Amino acid sequence: MTRATLRAKAHAARFGGPGLDTLCPMLLTERKAVPREAGWLYEIKFDGYRVLASSGPDGRLKSRGGIDASSWFPEVVAALADMPTGTVLDGEVCVLDEMGRSDFDRLHARARRKGWYEGADMVVYCVFDVLVAKGKDLRATALERRKATLARLLRAH
């Protein structure tokens, strides 16, 4: 059995919901024109790396390609350490410029070093979804309700 499979089984036994090892990012639907029908949500598209994050003292980051990116962005892992264990967030890590715009070249330069170093650009985690909250799988829940849950989690921490 692989290490990822063992971690996934241990997580399910402990928290009840799926863990980071079994989840993939929920990808966006890109449109060239603004839909006219009701029921659409619009969000800023940050220019960063798509990352799933598990919270708590044993939190980790997983890239869209399945790579453990925890050591690349330790400031993000540290920021999520006091959130409830058994929570999985979906978002993008970014380096923001002075105006708050994501700068992919600066992020890529930082990520190439695969870790924190003196003078490194600070990375932020732009979270836009919660897939699991305190062990409860929310993927089948309406996006509006997941966003409300995410807002409550972030306000509390």
N, C-alpha and C. Protein backbone atom coordinates (compact mmCIF):
# COMPACT_ATOMS: atom_id res chain seq x y z
N MET A 1 0.84 -1.17 0.00
CA MET A 1 0.00 0.00 0.00
C MET A 1 0.89 1.24 0.00
N THR A 2 0.52 2.24 -0.79
CA THR A 2 1.33 3.46 -0.86
C THR A 2 1.13 4.30 0.39
N ARG A 3 2.07 5.22 0.62
CA ARG A 3 1.98 6.12 1.76
C ARG A 3 0.73 7.00 1.67
N ALA A 4 0.40 7.45 0.45
CA ALA A 4 -0.79 8.29 0.25
C ALA A 4 -2.06 7.51 0.59
N THR A 5 -2.12 6.24 0.19
CA THR A 5 -3.29 5.41 0.49
C THR A 5 -3.43 5.20 1.99
N LEU A 6 -2.32 4.95 2.67
CA LEU A 6 -2.36 4.78 4.13
C LEU A 6 -2.82 6.06 4.81
N ARG A 7 -2.31 7.22 4.35
CA ARG A 7 -2.74 8.50 4.93
C ARG A 7 -4.22 8.73 4.70
N ALA A 8 -4.71 8.40 3.50
CA ALA A 8 -6.13 8.59 3.18
C ALA A 8 -7.01 7.74 4.08
N LYS A 9 -6.62 6.49 4.30
CA LYS A 9 -7.40 5.60 5.16
C LYS A 9 -7.37 6.08 6.60
N ALA A 10 -6.22 6.52 7.08
CA ALA A 10 -6.11 7.02 8.45
C ALA A 10 -6.96 8.28 8.63
N HIS A 11 -6.95 9.16 7.64
CA HIS A 11 -7.73 10.39 7.72
C HIS A 11 -9.22 10.08 7.77
N ALA A 12 -9.69 9.19 6.90
CA ALA A 12 -11.11 8.83 6.87
C ALA A 12 -11.54 8.19 8.19
N ALA A 13 -10.68 7.36 8.77
CA ALA A 13 -11.01 6.72 10.04
C ALA A 13 -11.08 7.74 11.17
N ARG A 14 -10.22 8.75 11.11
CA ARG A 14 -10.16 9.74 12.20
C ARG A 14 -11.22 10.83 12.08
N PHE A 15 -11.45 11.32 10.85
CA PHE A 15 -12.32 12.48 10.68
C PHE A 15 -13.62 12.19 9.94
N GLY A 16 -13.72 11.06 9.28
CA GLY A 16 -14.97 10.70 8.61
C GLY A 16 -15.09 11.18 7.19
N GLY A 17 -14.49 12.29 6.82
CA GLY A 17 -14.60 12.83 5.47
C GLY A 17 -13.35 12.54 4.67
N PRO A 18 -13.39 12.86 3.39
CA PRO A 18 -12.20 12.65 2.55
C PRO A 18 -11.08 13.59 2.96
N GLY A 19 -9.86 13.16 2.75
CA GLY A 19 -8.70 13.98 3.08
C GLY A 19 -8.02 14.50 1.82
N LEU A 20 -6.95 15.19 2.03
CA LEU A 20 -6.21 15.82 0.95
C LEU A 20 -5.74 14.82 -0.10
N ASP A 21 -5.38 13.62 0.34
CA ASP A 21 -4.83 12.63 -0.59
C ASP A 21 -5.85 12.10 -1.58
N THR A 22 -7.14 12.23 -1.28
CA THR A 22 -8.17 11.68 -2.16
C THR A 22 -8.91 12.74 -2.97
N LEU A 23 -8.60 14.02 -2.72
CA LEU A 23 -9.34 15.11 -3.37
C LEU A 23 -8.53 15.76 -4.48
N CYS A 24 -9.25 16.34 -5.43
CA CYS A 24 -8.66 17.12 -6.51
C CYS A 24 -9.36 18.47 -6.54
N PRO A 25 -8.68 19.50 -7.06
CA PRO A 25 -9.33 20.81 -7.14
C PRO A 25 -10.59 20.75 -8.00
N MET A 26 -11.57 21.56 -7.63
CA MET A 26 -12.79 21.69 -8.42
C MET A 26 -12.51 22.80 -9.43
N LEU A 27 -12.37 22.42 -10.68
CA LEU A 27 -11.90 23.37 -11.69
C LEU A 27 -12.99 24.35 -12.12
N LEU A 28 -12.54 25.54 -12.51
CA LEU A 28 -13.47 26.59 -12.92
C LEU A 28 -14.06 26.31 -14.30
N THR A 29 -15.15 26.99 -14.60
CA THR A 29 -15.73 26.97 -15.93
C THR A 29 -15.47 28.34 -16.53
N GLU A 30 -14.63 28.37 -17.54
CA GLU A 30 -14.28 29.65 -18.15
C GLU A 30 -15.28 29.98 -19.26
N ARG A 31 -15.66 31.23 -19.32
CA ARG A 31 -16.58 31.72 -20.35
C ARG A 31 -15.97 32.92 -21.04
N LYS A 32 -16.24 33.05 -22.33
CA LYS A 32 -15.76 34.21 -23.08
C LYS A 32 -16.73 35.38 -22.97
N ALA A 33 -17.99 35.08 -22.67
CA ALA A 33 -19.01 36.12 -22.51
C ALA A 33 -19.71 35.91 -21.18
N VAL A 34 -20.23 36.99 -20.61
CA VAL A 34 -20.94 36.91 -19.35
C VAL A 34 -22.29 36.24 -19.58
N PRO A 35 -22.59 35.13 -18.88
CA PRO A 35 -23.89 34.49 -19.04
C PRO A 35 -25.02 35.43 -18.59
N ARG A 36 -26.11 35.41 -19.30
CA ARG A 36 -27.23 36.31 -18.99
C ARG A 36 -28.24 35.69 -18.03
N GLU A 37 -28.25 34.37 -17.92
CA GLU A 37 -29.22 33.73 -17.03
C GLU A 37 -28.81 33.87 -15.57
N ALA A 38 -29.76 33.76 -14.68
CA ALA A 38 -29.51 33.89 -13.24
C ALA A 38 -28.76 32.68 -12.71
N GLY A 39 -28.17 32.82 -11.54
CA GLY A 39 -27.56 31.68 -10.88
C GLY A 39 -26.07 31.55 -11.07
N TRP A 40 -25.42 32.50 -11.71
CA TRP A 40 -23.97 32.42 -11.91
C TRP A 40 -23.25 33.24 -10.85
N LEU A 41 -22.11 32.73 -10.40
CA LEU A 41 -21.23 33.48 -9.49
C LEU A 41 -19.99 33.87 -10.27
N TYR A 42 -19.48 35.05 -10.00
CA TYR A 42 -18.30 35.55 -10.67
C TYR A 42 -17.21 35.82 -9.64
N GLU A 43 -15.99 35.45 -9.99
CA GLU A 43 -14.87 35.67 -9.08
C GLU A 43 -13.66 36.13 -9.86
N ILE A 44 -12.76 36.80 -9.16
CA ILE A 44 -11.49 37.19 -9.75
C ILE A 44 -10.68 35.93 -10.01
N LYS A 45 -10.05 35.87 -11.16
CA LYS A 45 -9.14 34.77 -11.47
C LYS A 45 -7.73 35.23 -11.13
N PHE A 46 -7.18 34.69 -10.04
CA PHE A 46 -5.82 35.01 -9.65
C PHE A 46 -4.85 34.23 -10.52
N ASP A 47 -3.70 34.79 -10.75
CA ASP A 47 -2.67 34.15 -11.56
C ASP A 47 -1.66 33.53 -10.61
N GLY A 48 -1.97 32.31 -10.16
CA GLY A 48 -1.12 31.64 -9.19
C GLY A 48 -1.09 30.15 -9.44
N TYR A 49 -0.75 29.40 -8.40
CA TYR A 49 -0.75 27.94 -8.46
C TYR A 49 -1.97 27.44 -7.71
N ARG A 50 -2.73 26.57 -8.34
CA ARG A 50 -3.89 25.97 -7.70
C ARG A 50 -3.40 24.99 -6.64
N VAL A 51 -3.92 25.13 -5.43
CA VAL A 51 -3.47 24.32 -4.30
C VAL A 51 -4.65 23.96 -3.42
N LEU A 52 -4.72 22.69 -3.03
CA LEU A 52 -5.62 22.26 -1.97
C LEU A 52 -4.84 22.30 -0.67
N ALA A 53 -5.50 22.66 0.41
CA ALA A 53 -4.83 22.76 1.71
C ALA A 53 -5.64 22.04 2.77
N SER A 54 -4.96 21.23 3.57
CA SER A 54 -5.59 20.66 4.76
C SER A 54 -5.11 21.49 5.94
N SER A 55 -6.00 21.68 6.90
CA SER A 55 -5.70 22.57 8.02
C SER A 55 -5.30 21.77 9.24
N GLY A 56 -4.99 22.51 10.29
CA GLY A 56 -4.62 21.89 11.55
C GLY A 56 -3.12 21.78 11.70
N PRO A 57 -2.68 21.27 12.84
CA PRO A 57 -1.24 21.20 13.11
C PRO A 57 -0.48 20.30 12.14
N ASP A 58 -1.16 19.36 11.51
CA ASP A 58 -0.52 18.49 10.51
C ASP A 58 -0.92 18.88 9.10
N GLY A 59 -1.27 20.15 8.90
CA GLY A 59 -1.74 20.62 7.60
C GLY A 59 -0.70 20.48 6.51
N ARG A 60 -1.20 20.35 5.30
CA ARG A 60 -0.33 20.20 4.13
C ARG A 60 -0.94 20.94 2.96
N LEU A 61 -0.13 21.15 1.93
CA LEU A 61 -0.57 21.73 0.67
C LEU A 61 -0.33 20.72 -0.44
N LYS A 62 -1.29 20.63 -1.34
CA LYS A 62 -1.15 19.71 -2.48
C LYS A 62 -1.42 20.48 -3.76
N SER A 63 -0.47 20.41 -4.69
CA SER A 63 -0.62 21.11 -5.96
C SER A 63 -1.66 20.41 -6.84
N ARG A 64 -2.08 21.11 -7.87
CA ARG A 64 -3.04 20.55 -8.83
C ARG A 64 -2.53 19.24 -9.41
N GLY A 65 -1.21 19.12 -9.55
CA GLY A 65 -0.60 17.90 -10.08
C GLY A 65 -0.36 16.83 -9.03
N GLY A 66 -0.78 17.07 -7.78
CA GLY A 66 -0.65 16.07 -6.73
C GLY A 66 0.64 16.13 -5.94
N ILE A 67 1.47 17.15 -6.18
CA ILE A 67 2.75 17.27 -5.48
C ILE A 67 2.54 17.94 -4.12
N ASP A 68 3.23 17.43 -3.09
CA ASP A 68 3.18 18.04 -1.77
C ASP A 68 3.99 19.34 -1.82
N ALA A 69 3.31 20.47 -1.71
CA ALA A 69 3.95 21.78 -1.80
C ALA A 69 4.10 22.45 -0.44
N SER A 70 3.96 21.70 0.63
CA SER A 70 3.99 22.25 1.99
C SER A 70 5.31 22.96 2.29
N SER A 71 6.42 22.35 1.92
CA SER A 71 7.72 22.96 2.22
C SER A 71 8.01 24.16 1.31
N TRP A 72 7.34 24.25 0.19
CA TRP A 72 7.54 25.38 -0.72
C TRP A 72 6.98 26.67 -0.12
N PHE A 73 5.84 26.55 0.56
CA PHE A 73 5.13 27.72 1.07
C PHE A 73 4.80 27.53 2.56
N PRO A 74 5.81 27.47 3.42
CA PRO A 74 5.55 27.17 4.83
C PRO A 74 4.72 28.25 5.53
N GLU A 75 4.74 29.48 5.03
CA GLU A 75 3.94 30.53 5.66
C GLU A 75 2.45 30.27 5.49
N VAL A 76 2.05 29.60 4.40
CA VAL A 76 0.65 29.25 4.20
C VAL A 76 0.25 28.12 5.15
N VAL A 77 1.10 27.11 5.26
CA VAL A 77 0.83 26.00 6.17
C VAL A 77 0.70 26.53 7.60
N ALA A 78 1.59 27.43 8.00
CA ALA A 78 1.55 28.00 9.35
C ALA A 78 0.26 28.79 9.58
N ALA A 79 -0.20 29.51 8.56
CA ALA A 79 -1.42 30.32 8.70
C ALA A 79 -2.66 29.45 8.88
N LEU A 80 -2.63 28.22 8.39
CA LEU A 80 -3.77 27.32 8.48
C LEU A 80 -3.71 26.39 9.69
N ALA A 81 -2.63 26.47 10.45
CA ALA A 81 -2.41 25.52 11.55
C ALA A 81 -3.47 25.59 12.64
N ASP A 82 -4.03 26.77 12.89
CA ASP A 82 -5.00 26.87 13.98
C ASP A 82 -6.45 26.72 13.52
N MET A 83 -6.67 26.42 12.25
CA MET A 83 -8.02 26.13 11.78
C MET A 83 -8.40 24.71 12.19
N PRO A 84 -9.69 24.41 12.23
CA PRO A 84 -10.11 23.06 12.64
C PRO A 84 -9.50 21.96 11.77
N THR A 85 -8.96 20.96 12.43
CA THR A 85 -8.42 19.80 11.73
C THR A 85 -9.57 19.09 11.01
N GLY A 86 -9.26 18.51 9.85
CA GLY A 86 -10.29 17.84 9.06
C GLY A 86 -10.96 18.79 8.08
N THR A 87 -10.34 19.94 7.83
CA THR A 87 -10.86 20.91 6.88
C THR A 87 -9.95 20.93 5.66
N VAL A 88 -10.55 20.93 4.46
CA VAL A 88 -9.79 21.00 3.21
C VAL A 88 -10.30 22.20 2.42
N LEU A 89 -9.37 23.09 2.07
CA LEU A 89 -9.68 24.30 1.34
C LEU A 89 -9.15 24.22 -0.08
N ASP A 90 -9.77 24.97 -0.98
CA ASP A 90 -9.37 25.02 -2.39
C ASP A 90 -9.09 26.48 -2.73
N GLY A 91 -7.95 26.75 -3.32
CA GLY A 91 -7.60 28.11 -3.67
C GLY A 91 -6.34 28.18 -4.50
N GLU A 92 -5.75 29.37 -4.54
CA GLU A 92 -4.52 29.59 -5.29
C GLU A 92 -3.51 30.29 -4.40
N VAL A 93 -2.26 29.82 -4.44
CA VAL A 93 -1.19 30.57 -3.81
C VAL A 93 -0.71 31.59 -4.81
N CYS A 94 -0.47 32.79 -4.32
CA CYS A 94 -0.09 33.91 -5.18
C CYS A 94 0.94 34.78 -4.47
N VAL A 95 1.69 35.50 -5.27
CA VAL A 95 2.47 36.63 -4.78
C VAL A 95 1.76 37.86 -5.30
N LEU A 96 1.41 38.76 -4.40
CA LEU A 96 0.69 39.96 -4.79
C LEU A 96 1.65 41.14 -4.88
N ASP A 97 1.42 41.99 -5.88
CA ASP A 97 2.24 43.19 -6.00
C ASP A 97 1.70 44.28 -5.07
N GLU A 98 2.26 45.47 -5.15
CA GLU A 98 1.90 46.57 -4.27
C GLU A 98 0.44 46.99 -4.43
N MET A 99 -0.17 46.70 -5.58
CA MET A 99 -1.56 47.06 -5.86
C MET A 99 -2.53 45.91 -5.54
N GLY A 100 -2.00 44.77 -5.06
CA GLY A 100 -2.84 43.63 -4.76
C GLY A 100 -3.12 42.72 -5.94
N ARG A 101 -2.39 42.91 -7.03
CA ARG A 101 -2.55 42.06 -8.22
C ARG A 101 -1.58 40.89 -8.14
N SER A 102 -2.03 39.73 -8.58
CA SER A 102 -1.15 38.57 -8.54
C SER A 102 -0.07 38.71 -9.61
N ASP A 103 1.15 38.30 -9.23
CA ASP A 103 2.31 38.39 -10.12
C ASP A 103 2.87 36.98 -10.29
N PHE A 104 2.53 36.34 -11.40
CA PHE A 104 2.90 34.94 -11.62
C PHE A 104 4.41 34.77 -11.71
N ASP A 105 5.11 35.69 -12.33
CA ASP A 105 6.56 35.55 -12.47
C ASP A 105 7.24 35.53 -11.11
N ARG A 106 6.80 36.39 -10.19
CA ARG A 106 7.38 36.41 -8.85
C ARG A 106 7.04 35.13 -8.09
N LEU A 107 5.81 34.62 -8.26
CA LEU A 107 5.43 33.36 -7.62
C LEU A 107 6.28 32.22 -8.16
N HIS A 108 6.44 32.18 -9.47
CA HIS A 108 7.21 31.10 -10.10
C HIS A 108 8.67 31.13 -9.63
N ALA A 109 9.24 32.34 -9.52
CA ALA A 109 10.61 32.47 -9.04
C ALA A 109 10.72 31.94 -7.61
N ARG A 110 9.74 32.26 -6.80
CA ARG A 110 9.72 31.78 -5.42
C ARG A 110 9.58 30.26 -5.38
N ALA A 111 8.66 29.72 -6.16
CA ALA A 111 8.39 28.28 -6.13
C ALA A 111 9.57 27.46 -6.65
N ARG A 112 10.31 28.00 -7.58
CA ARG A 112 11.48 27.28 -8.11
C ARG A 112 12.49 26.95 -7.02
N ARG A 113 12.55 27.79 -5.98
CA ARG A 113 13.49 27.57 -4.88
C ARG A 113 12.99 26.50 -3.91
N LYS A 114 11.70 26.12 -4.04
CA LYS A 114 11.08 25.05 -3.25
C LYS A 114 11.29 25.21 -1.75
N GLY A 115 11.08 26.41 -1.26
CA GLY A 115 11.17 26.65 0.17
C GLY A 115 11.38 28.12 0.47
N TRP A 116 11.28 28.45 1.76
CA TRP A 116 11.48 29.82 2.21
C TRP A 116 12.97 30.14 2.18
N TYR A 117 13.32 31.36 1.84
CA TYR A 117 14.70 31.83 1.89
C TYR A 117 14.68 33.32 2.21
N GLU A 118 15.77 33.82 2.73
CA GLU A 118 15.87 35.23 3.11
C GLU A 118 15.60 36.12 1.90
N GLY A 119 14.68 37.07 2.06
CA GLY A 119 14.33 37.98 0.97
C GLY A 119 13.26 37.46 0.03
N ALA A 120 12.72 36.28 0.32
CA ALA A 120 11.69 35.69 -0.55
C ALA A 120 10.41 36.52 -0.51
N ASP A 121 9.70 36.54 -1.65
CA ASP A 121 8.39 37.17 -1.67
C ASP A 121 7.44 36.37 -0.80
N MET A 122 6.59 37.08 -0.06
CA MET A 122 5.58 36.43 0.77
C MET A 122 4.49 35.88 -0.15
N VAL A 123 4.08 34.67 0.13
CA VAL A 123 3.01 34.03 -0.63
C VAL A 123 1.72 34.12 0.19
N VAL A 124 0.61 34.40 -0.48
CA VAL A 124 -0.70 34.41 0.17
C VAL A 124 -1.54 33.29 -0.44
N TYR A 125 -2.50 32.84 0.33
CA TYR A 125 -3.40 31.78 -0.13
C TYR A 125 -4.77 32.42 -0.34
N CYS A 126 -5.17 32.53 -1.59
CA CYS A 126 -6.47 33.10 -1.96
C CYS A 126 -7.46 31.95 -2.02
N VAL A 127 -8.21 31.77 -0.93
CA VAL A 127 -9.13 30.63 -0.78
C VAL A 127 -10.48 31.00 -1.38
N PHE A 128 -11.03 30.09 -2.21
CA PHE A 128 -12.35 30.37 -2.78
C PHE A 128 -13.35 29.27 -2.55
N ASP A 129 -12.96 28.18 -1.89
CA ASP A 129 -13.93 27.12 -1.64
C ASP A 129 -13.47 26.27 -0.46
N VAL A 130 -14.43 25.66 0.21
CA VAL A 130 -14.15 24.68 1.26
C VAL A 130 -14.80 23.37 0.80
N LEU A 131 -13.98 22.33 0.69
CA LEU A 131 -14.47 21.03 0.22
C LEU A 131 -14.88 20.13 1.37
N VAL A 132 -14.16 20.25 2.49
CA VAL A 132 -14.44 19.47 3.69
C VAL A 132 -14.30 20.41 4.88
N ALA A 133 -15.27 20.42 5.77
CA ALA A 133 -15.21 21.25 6.97
C ALA A 133 -15.36 20.37 8.20
N LYS A 134 -14.32 20.36 9.02
CA LYS A 134 -14.32 19.59 10.26
C LYS A 134 -14.71 18.13 10.02
N GLY A 135 -14.21 17.56 8.92
CA GLY A 135 -14.47 16.17 8.58
C GLY A 135 -15.71 15.91 7.76
N LYS A 136 -16.55 16.93 7.55
CA LYS A 136 -17.79 16.74 6.80
C LYS A 136 -17.56 17.11 5.33
N ASP A 137 -17.84 16.16 4.43
CA ASP A 137 -17.68 16.36 2.99
C ASP A 137 -18.76 17.32 2.50
N LEU A 138 -18.36 18.45 1.95
CA LEU A 138 -19.31 19.46 1.48
C LEU A 138 -19.41 19.54 -0.04
N ARG A 139 -18.74 18.67 -0.75
CA ARG A 139 -18.69 18.79 -2.20
C ARG A 139 -20.06 18.74 -2.87
N ALA A 140 -21.01 18.04 -2.29
CA ALA A 140 -22.35 17.96 -2.88
C ALA A 140 -23.25 19.12 -2.45
N THR A 141 -22.73 19.96 -1.56
CA THR A 141 -23.48 21.12 -1.06
C THR A 141 -23.41 22.24 -2.09
N ALA A 142 -24.46 23.03 -2.19
CA ALA A 142 -24.48 24.16 -3.13
C ALA A 142 -23.31 25.10 -2.85
N LEU A 143 -22.75 25.66 -3.90
CA LEU A 143 -21.60 26.54 -3.78
C LEU A 143 -21.87 27.71 -2.84
N GLU A 144 -23.06 28.29 -2.90
CA GLU A 144 -23.38 29.41 -2.02
C GLU A 144 -23.27 29.02 -0.55
N ARG A 145 -23.71 27.81 -0.22
CA ARG A 145 -23.62 27.33 1.17
C ARG A 145 -22.17 27.05 1.56
N ARG A 146 -21.38 26.50 0.61
CA ARG A 146 -19.96 26.26 0.90
C ARG A 146 -19.25 27.59 1.14
N LYS A 147 -19.58 28.61 0.37
CA LYS A 147 -18.95 29.92 0.56
C LYS A 147 -19.34 30.53 1.91
N ALA A 148 -20.58 30.32 2.34
CA ALA A 148 -21.01 30.80 3.66
C ALA A 148 -20.24 30.07 4.76
N THR A 149 -20.04 28.77 4.60
CA THR A 149 -19.26 27.98 5.56
C THR A 149 -17.81 28.47 5.58
N LEU A 150 -17.26 28.71 4.41
CA LEU A 150 -15.90 29.23 4.32
C LEU A 150 -15.77 30.57 5.04
N ALA A 151 -16.72 31.46 4.83
CA ALA A 151 -16.69 32.76 5.50
C ALA A 151 -16.71 32.60 7.01
N ARG A 152 -17.53 31.69 7.52
CA ARG A 152 -17.59 31.46 8.97
C ARG A 152 -16.26 30.91 9.49
N LEU A 153 -15.68 29.97 8.75
CA LEU A 153 -14.38 29.40 9.16
C LEU A 153 -13.30 30.47 9.21
N LEU A 154 -13.25 31.31 8.21
CA LEU A 154 -12.22 32.34 8.14
C LEU A 154 -12.42 33.42 9.21
N ARG A 155 -13.67 33.78 9.46
CA ARG A 155 -13.95 34.77 10.52
C ARG A 155 -13.52 34.24 11.89
N ALA A 156 -13.74 32.96 12.12
CA ALA A 156 -13.44 32.35 13.41
C ALA A 156 -11.93 32.20 13.64
N HIS A 157 -11.17 32.31 12.57
CA HIS A 157 -9.72 32.10 12.71
C HIS A 157 -8.98 33.22 12.05
